[in-house]
Structure formats: structure tokens, C-alpha cells
Amino acid sequence: MKKKAIFNWSGGKDSALALYKVLKGSEFEITCLLTSVNNQFQGISLHGVRVELLEQQAKNIGKTLEIMPVPEMPSMEVY
């Protein structure tokens, strides 16, 4: 039986490759994708991928997207 897990999704090529490998493996069942989104810009904190693109990616992958809103300059405590 696979362990249930949430996958931290950035929408970029690195997270796409990592997700692909996890989905092809036998250890984890990904229940949803988790993304932290900058409240001010409505995009990924690291590289600004817009929420609309993230939602389309999740839909195409067949997973639910959970969005964690964060302020512009979040501290580690916020995360």
C-alpha cells in the first residue's frame, strides 16, 4: 500500500520532473499539489508563475491544487 503524500509544487520543470518520478514510483500516492502563492502578485513566491497557470497544470496532471497564501517577504515562521 502506498503512503499518502502532499507534493510541494512550484510549476517549474524541476518540480514537474520530481513529480513525474514520484508518480512512476511505488512508494507514494500524491493526494494533492501544494503551492505557496505571494498575496500581492498572485504568483509563486520563487519565480512568479501565475495562479491561473498553476491551476491549469494541476488540472492537466489530474491533481487538486492547494494554495497557501504568503506575504511578499515571508519569514520562516510564516511557512
Protein backbone atom coordinates (compact mmCIF):
# COMPACT_ATOMS: atom_id res chain seq x y z
CA MET A 1 0.00 0.00 0.00
CA LYS A 2 1.36 3.42 -0.98
CA LYS A 3 1.88 6.15 1.63
CA LYS A 4 -0.28 9.22 1.05
CA ALA A 5 1.69 12.42 0.48
CA ILE A 6 1.24 16.05 -0.49
CA PHE A 7 3.62 17.27 -3.20
CA ASN A 8 5.16 20.75 -2.96
CA TRP A 9 4.53 22.13 -6.47
CA SER A 10 6.28 25.18 -7.96
CA GLY A 11 5.03 24.80 -11.50
CA GLY A 12 8.56 24.68 -12.90
CA LYS A 13 10.46 21.99 -14.77
CA ASP A 14 12.28 20.71 -11.68
CA SER A 15 9.12 20.08 -9.70
CA ALA A 16 7.50 18.57 -12.80
CA LEU A 17 10.36 16.08 -13.18
CA ALA A 18 10.31 15.26 -9.46
CA LEU A 19 6.55 14.72 -9.54
CA TYR A 20 6.87 12.51 -12.62
CA LYS A 21 9.40 10.31 -10.82
CA VAL A 22 7.26 10.08 -7.66
CA LEU A 23 4.14 9.21 -9.68
CA LYS A 24 6.03 6.47 -11.54
CA GLY A 25 7.34 5.04 -8.28
CA SER A 26 5.61 2.67 -5.93
CA GLU A 27 6.19 4.37 -2.56
CA PHE A 28 3.81 7.37 -2.57
CA GLU A 29 0.28 8.26 -3.61
CA ILE A 30 0.16 12.01 -4.23
CA THR A 31 -3.15 13.31 -2.85
CA CYS A 32 -2.71 16.94 -3.94
CA LEU A 33 -0.24 19.59 -5.04
CA LEU A 34 0.68 22.35 -2.56
CA THR A 35 1.86 25.76 -3.72
CA SER A 36 2.77 28.88 -1.77
CA VAL A 37 1.49 31.98 -3.56
CA ASN A 38 2.54 35.58 -2.96
CA ASN A 39 -0.54 37.52 -1.79
CA GLN A 40 0.49 40.70 -3.58
CA PHE A 41 1.36 39.28 -7.02
CA GLN A 42 -0.83 36.15 -7.02
CA GLY A 43 2.08 34.04 -8.21
CA ILE A 44 4.67 31.59 -6.91
CA SER A 45 6.97 33.24 -4.38
CA LEU A 46 10.16 31.95 -6.03
CA HIS A 47 9.65 32.65 -9.73
CA GLY A 48 6.28 34.31 -10.21
CA VAL A 49 4.31 31.58 -12.03
CA ARG A 50 0.73 32.87 -12.04
CA VAL A 51 -2.07 31.08 -10.17
CA GLU A 52 -4.02 30.55 -13.40
CA LEU A 53 -1.14 28.55 -14.91
CA LEU A 54 -0.73 26.51 -11.71
CA GLU A 55 -4.43 25.66 -11.74
CA GLN A 56 -4.24 24.55 -15.38
CA GLN A 57 -1.15 22.44 -14.67
CA ALA A 58 -2.87 20.71 -11.74
CA LYS A 59 -5.97 20.07 -13.84
CA ASN A 60 -3.86 18.54 -16.63
CA ILE A 61 -1.98 16.38 -14.11
CA GLY A 62 -5.26 15.28 -12.54
CA LYS A 63 -4.48 16.50 -9.03
CA THR A 64 -6.09 19.03 -6.72
CA LEU A 65 -4.11 22.25 -6.17
CA GLU A 66 -3.99 23.59 -2.62
CA ILE A 67 -2.82 27.20 -2.41
CA MET A 68 -1.04 28.53 0.67
CA PRO A 69 -1.11 32.36 0.58
CA VAL A 70 2.00 34.06 1.93
CA PRO A 71 3.02 37.72 2.29
CA GLU A 72 5.56 39.29 -0.07
CA MET A 73 8.57 38.64 2.18
CA PRO A 74 7.54 35.67 4.38
CA SER A 75 9.64 34.63 7.33
CA MET A 76 10.36 31.01 8.13
CA GLU A 77 7.75 31.31 10.90
CA VAL A 78 5.09 32.13 8.29
CA TYR A 79 5.95 28.98 6.34
